[in-house]
Protein backbone atom coordinates (compact mmCIF):
# COMPACT_ATOMS: atom_id res chain seq x y z
CA UNK A 1 -94.91 -7.62 -71.48
CA UNK A 2 -92.64 -4.69 -72.22
CA UNK A 3 -89.06 -4.90 -71.01
CA UNK A 4 -87.69 -1.83 -69.18
CA UNK A 5 -84.00 -1.11 -69.55
CA UNK A 6 -82.07 0.62 -66.73
CA UNK A 7 -78.89 2.56 -67.42
CA UNK A 8 -75.61 1.22 -65.96
CA UNK A 9 -74.17 2.94 -62.87
CA UNK A 10 -70.69 3.03 -64.53
CA UNK A 11 -70.38 4.79 -67.81
CA UNK A 12 -67.54 4.17 -70.12
CA UNK A 13 -65.47 7.03 -71.40
CA UNK A 14 -63.45 7.12 -74.55
CA UNK A 15 -65.12 4.04 -75.86
CA UNK A 16 -65.53 2.07 -72.61
CA UNK A 17 -61.91 2.30 -71.28
CA UNK A 18 -61.09 3.17 -67.65
CA UNK A 19 -63.73 3.99 -65.11
CA UNK A 20 -64.44 7.65 -64.41
CA UNK A 21 -63.07 9.19 -61.18
CA UNK A 22 -65.60 10.10 -58.53
CA UNK A 23 -66.62 13.68 -58.72
CA UNK A 24 -67.20 14.18 -54.94
CA UNK A 25 -64.43 15.86 -52.84
CA UNK A 26 -62.14 13.93 -50.37
CA UNK A 27 -63.42 13.66 -46.85
CA UNK A 28 -61.73 15.26 -43.83
CA UNK A 29 -60.53 11.92 -42.55
CA UNK A 30 -58.94 11.14 -45.91
CA UNK A 31 -57.08 14.44 -45.97
CA UNK A 32 -55.81 13.89 -42.38
CA UNK A 33 -54.57 10.41 -43.23
CA UNK A 34 -52.69 11.71 -46.26
CA UNK A 35 -50.66 14.27 -44.29
CA UNK A 36 -50.12 12.31 -41.07
CA UNK A 37 -46.64 10.67 -40.83
CA UNK A 38 -46.42 6.95 -40.57
CA UNK A 39 -46.25 5.86 -36.90
CA UNK A 40 -43.23 3.81 -36.01
CA UNK A 41 -42.95 2.50 -32.44
CA UNK A 42 -39.72 3.62 -30.66
CA UNK A 43 -37.40 0.88 -29.52
CA UNK A 44 -36.93 0.70 -25.77
CA UNK A 45 -33.38 1.60 -24.53
CA UNK A 46 -31.21 -1.43 -23.86
CA UNK A 47 -30.06 -1.69 -20.26
CA UNK A 48 -28.27 -4.99 -20.61
CA UNK A 49 -24.77 -3.51 -20.42
CA UNK A 50 -25.58 -1.37 -17.40
CA UNK A 51 -27.05 -4.31 -15.52
CA UNK A 52 -23.99 -6.43 -16.33
CA UNK A 53 -21.64 -3.72 -14.98
CA UNK A 54 -23.67 -3.43 -11.78
CA UNK A 55 -23.62 -7.19 -11.32
CA UNK A 56 -19.84 -7.33 -11.82
CA UNK A 57 -19.27 -4.56 -9.25
CA UNK A 58 -21.49 -6.26 -6.71
CA UNK A 59 -19.84 -9.66 -7.13
CA UNK A 60 -16.34 -8.12 -7.01
CA UNK A 61 -17.17 -6.36 -3.75
CA UNK A 62 -18.66 -9.52 -2.27
CA UNK A 63 -15.58 -11.53 -3.30
CA UNK A 64 -13.19 -9.02 -1.69
CA UNK A 65 -15.21 -9.02 1.53
CA UNK A 66 -15.21 -12.82 1.62
CA UNK A 67 -11.42 -12.95 1.10
CA UNK A 68 -10.85 -10.41 3.87
CA UNK A 69 -13.11 -12.39 6.17
CA UNK A 70 -11.27 -15.63 5.39
CA UNK A 71 -7.91 -13.91 5.99
CA UNK A 72 -9.10 -12.63 9.34
CA UNK A 73 -10.45 -16.03 10.36
CA UNK A 74 -7.22 -17.75 9.27
CA UNK A 75 -5.15 -15.26 11.26
CA UNK A 76 -7.30 -15.80 14.32
CA UNK A 77 -6.98 -19.59 14.02
CA UNK A 78 -3.20 -19.40 13.61
CA UNK A 79 -2.99 -17.08 16.58
CA UNK A 80 -4.96 -19.48 18.76
CA UNK A 81 -3.03 -22.55 17.63
CA UNK A 82 0.54 -21.23 17.58
CA UNK A 83 0.32 -18.23 19.97
CA UNK A 84 2.92 -16.16 18.05
CA UNK A 85 5.23 -13.88 20.01
CA UNK A 86 6.92 -10.75 18.79
CA UNK A 87 10.61 -10.77 17.87
CA UNK A 88 12.84 -8.62 20.04
CA UNK A 89 15.83 -6.45 19.17
CA UNK A 90 18.54 -5.16 21.51
CA UNK A 91 21.66 -3.09 20.89
CA UNK A 92 24.62 -5.32 21.84
CA UNK A 93 27.37 -2.79 21.21
CA UNK A 94 28.06 0.47 19.40
CA UNK A 95 31.60 1.77 18.85
CA UNK A 96 32.45 5.15 17.36
CA UNK A 97 35.71 5.22 15.37
CA UNK A 98 35.19 8.65 13.80
CA UNK A 99 32.93 11.52 14.86
CA UNK A 100 33.89 15.04 13.87
CA UNK A 101 32.63 18.21 12.23
CA UNK A 102 35.03 19.91 9.81
CA UNK A 103 35.55 23.66 9.44
CA UNK A 104 33.25 23.58 6.42
CA UNK A 105 30.42 22.09 8.60
CA UNK A 106 30.72 18.58 7.19
CA UNK A 107 29.85 15.69 9.51
CA UNK A 108 32.14 12.68 9.20
CA UNK A 109 31.29 9.50 11.13
CA UNK A 110 32.31 5.86 11.19
CA UNK A 111 30.41 3.56 13.59
CA UNK A 112 30.43 -0.19 14.21
CA UNK A 113 27.07 -1.53 15.34
CA UNK A 114 25.96 -4.91 16.72
CA UNK A 115 22.26 -5.74 17.23
CA UNK A 116 20.87 -8.95 18.70
CA UNK A 117 17.60 -10.24 17.20
CA UNK A 118 15.64 -12.86 19.12
CA UNK A 119 12.83 -15.11 17.87
CA UNK A 120 11.04 -16.69 20.90
CA UNK A 121 8.56 -18.76 18.84
CA UNK A 122 8.61 -22.56 18.69
CA UNK A 123 6.84 -22.88 15.32
CA UNK A 124 7.14 -19.48 13.66
CA UNK A 125 10.05 -18.54 11.38
CA UNK A 126 10.78 -14.96 10.29
CA UNK A 127 12.36 -14.27 6.89
CA UNK A 128 13.86 -10.75 6.73
CA UNK A 129 14.71 -8.57 3.75
CA UNK A 130 17.78 -6.29 4.00
CA UNK A 131 17.39 -3.97 7.00
CA UNK A 132 18.05 -0.23 6.52
CA UNK A 133 19.80 1.48 9.47
CA UNK A 134 19.54 5.17 10.35
CA UNK A 135 21.21 6.79 13.36
CA UNK A 136 19.94 10.29 14.19
CA UNK A 137 20.02 12.93 16.94
CA UNK A 138 16.93 14.18 18.77
CA UNK A 139 16.81 17.04 16.25
CA UNK A 140 16.76 14.51 13.38
CA UNK A 141 20.31 15.19 12.23
CA UNK A 142 21.42 12.00 10.45
CA UNK A 143 24.66 10.79 12.02
CA UNK A 144 25.12 7.61 9.96
CA UNK A 145 23.36 5.27 7.52
CA UNK A 146 23.89 1.64 6.58
CA UNK A 147 22.21 -1.75 6.42
CA UNK A 148 22.13 -5.31 7.71
CA UNK A 149 21.90 -8.14 5.19
CA UNK A 150 18.83 -10.38 4.74
CA UNK A 151 18.55 -13.42 7.00
CA UNK A 152 16.23 -16.23 8.10
CA UNK A 153 15.29 -16.06 11.77
CA UNK A 154 14.75 -19.64 12.89
CA UNK A 155 12.63 -20.81 15.79
CA UNK A 156 13.98 -20.20 19.30
CA UNK A 157 16.95 -18.46 17.74
CA UNK A 158 19.21 -15.51 18.63
CA UNK A 159 20.93 -13.85 15.67
CA UNK A 160 23.72 -11.27 16.00
CA UNK A 161 23.58 -8.61 13.27
CA UNK A 162 26.78 -6.68 12.53
CA UNK A 163 27.30 -3.61 10.37
CA UNK A 164 29.62 -0.64 9.89
CA UNK A 165 27.72 2.56 9.14
CA UNK A 166 29.01 6.00 8.19
CA UNK A 167 27.92 9.60 7.73
CA UNK A 168 29.41 10.01 4.28
CA UNK A 169 30.67 13.60 4.73
CA UNK A 170 27.23 15.07 5.24
CA UNK A 171 27.16 18.88 5.07
CA UNK A 172 25.23 20.57 7.89
CA UNK A 173 23.67 24.02 8.05
CA UNK A 174 25.25 26.54 10.45
CA UNK A 175 22.55 26.10 13.11
CA UNK A 176 22.74 22.28 13.17
CA UNK A 177 26.53 22.32 13.11
CA UNK A 178 26.68 24.74 16.05
CA UNK A 179 24.23 22.72 18.16
CA UNK A 180 26.05 19.48 17.41
CA UNK A 181 29.46 20.93 18.37
CA UNK A 182 28.07 21.99 21.75
CA UNK A 183 26.38 18.60 22.30
CA UNK A 184 29.57 16.68 21.51
CA UNK A 185 31.38 18.52 24.29
CA UNK A 186 28.95 17.17 26.86
CA UNK A 187 30.68 14.54 28.99
CA UNK A 188 27.42 12.62 29.44
CA UNK A 189 27.35 11.86 25.74
CA UNK A 190 25.20 12.73 22.74
CA UNK A 191 21.75 11.01 22.80
CA UNK A 192 20.99 9.14 19.58
CA UNK A 193 18.05 7.26 18.15
CA UNK A 194 18.42 4.22 15.92
CA UNK A 195 15.79 3.29 13.34
CA UNK A 196 15.63 -0.05 11.48
CA UNK A 197 13.28 -0.51 8.51
CA UNK A 198 12.64 -3.77 6.66
CA UNK A 199 10.02 -6.22 5.36
CA UNK A 200 9.46 -9.70 6.73
CA UNK A 201 7.56 -12.93 5.99
CA UNK A 202 6.28 -15.22 8.72
CA UNK A 203 6.43 -18.95 7.95
CA UNK A 204 4.55 -21.70 9.78
CA UNK A 205 5.10 -25.15 8.31
CA UNK A 206 4.26 -24.88 4.61
CA UNK A 207 2.31 -21.64 5.06
CA UNK A 208 4.03 -18.31 4.37
CA UNK A 209 2.41 -14.93 4.92
CA UNK A 210 2.82 -11.98 2.52
CA UNK A 211 5.62 -9.54 3.26
CA UNK A 212 4.80 -6.83 5.76
CA UNK A 213 6.81 -3.80 6.80
CA UNK A 214 8.27 -3.46 10.28
CA UNK A 215 10.12 -0.62 11.97
CA UNK A 216 12.37 -0.95 15.00
CA UNK A 217 13.14 2.20 17.00
CA UNK A 218 15.82 2.10 19.69
CA UNK A 219 16.30 5.03 22.06
CA UNK A 220 18.55 5.64 25.07
CA UNK A 221 21.87 5.40 23.17
CA UNK A 222 24.60 7.93 24.08
CA UNK A 223 27.86 8.38 22.18
CA UNK A 224 31.03 10.36 22.85
CA UNK A 225 33.82 11.59 20.61
CA UNK A 226 36.70 9.05 20.43
CA UNK A 227 40.02 10.14 21.88
CA UNK A 228 43.07 9.35 19.79
CA UNK A 229 42.95 6.27 17.60
CA UNK A 230 40.90 4.14 19.97
CA UNK A 231 37.14 4.00 19.28
CA UNK A 232 34.76 5.13 21.98
CA UNK A 233 32.07 2.81 23.30
CA UNK A 234 28.54 4.12 23.40
CA UNK A 235 26.44 3.89 26.54
CA UNK A 236 23.68 1.36 25.80
CA UNK A 237 22.61 0.31 29.31
CA UNK A 238 19.38 2.30 29.01
CA UNK A 239 18.75 1.52 25.36
CA UNK A 240 15.28 0.10 24.62
CA UNK A 241 13.90 -1.03 21.27
CA UNK A 242 10.28 -1.04 20.13
CA UNK A 243 9.02 -3.03 17.13
CA UNK A 244 6.14 -1.63 15.08
CA UNK A 245 4.41 -4.11 12.75
CA UNK A 246 2.75 -2.21 9.90
CA UNK A 247 -0.24 -4.43 9.17
CA UNK A 248 -3.66 -4.68 10.86
CA UNK A 249 -4.92 -7.97 9.45
CA UNK A 250 -2.90 -10.14 11.85
CA UNK A 251 -3.67 -7.95 14.87
CA UNK A 252 -0.35 -8.71 16.49
CA UNK A 253 0.74 -5.95 18.85
CA UNK A 254 4.48 -5.58 18.52
């Protein structure tokens, strides 16, 4: 039987070295794959920091609201238990040693002032900072300035505050000086308003509140120019003082 030989599908070139490259052209899909850039999935934006900031803001707000609520509840409880009463202030005496306007429109004053402070509470103690004093006319001309020293206002206590206040050679404009000269000639006296400004702590047992500002305004004071070397006494029979507590948390109406 005769053997039939079939040629090999791969033919050697140059003595049987490397295989010959295919002679057919590249397909369309091969060309597209060669020019197409390698796909790399985009990383998703990190929102971790933003979420942390939002969480911090929310918790901070909640904490502040809780603290305010606790402060309000504590104030209400203290109010119910101790029934705090407002302190009262009255003008005990006011003497004018010097009150004149010079030819150059300078106001010179020297005034001795006594104020009685009363604490009607059985459990509540007031601790006062230095108290600034301002004595003015109805047109807001400052007659004298000064201060009372700091003091502790004990329970069921009356404290007499004494101070000497002065005008310090204040120079007035022509209009104010003219009006004041006419008012000082009035025999009924010159109406004045006294303003006291300070800060105070309230203490109940071992508990002390933060400092809060208070303002005392006293009206109905009338002064006259002293004659000779003797000081003149101001009319204080109609003087009334109002205390304004500058905080809303405690809800005390002073």
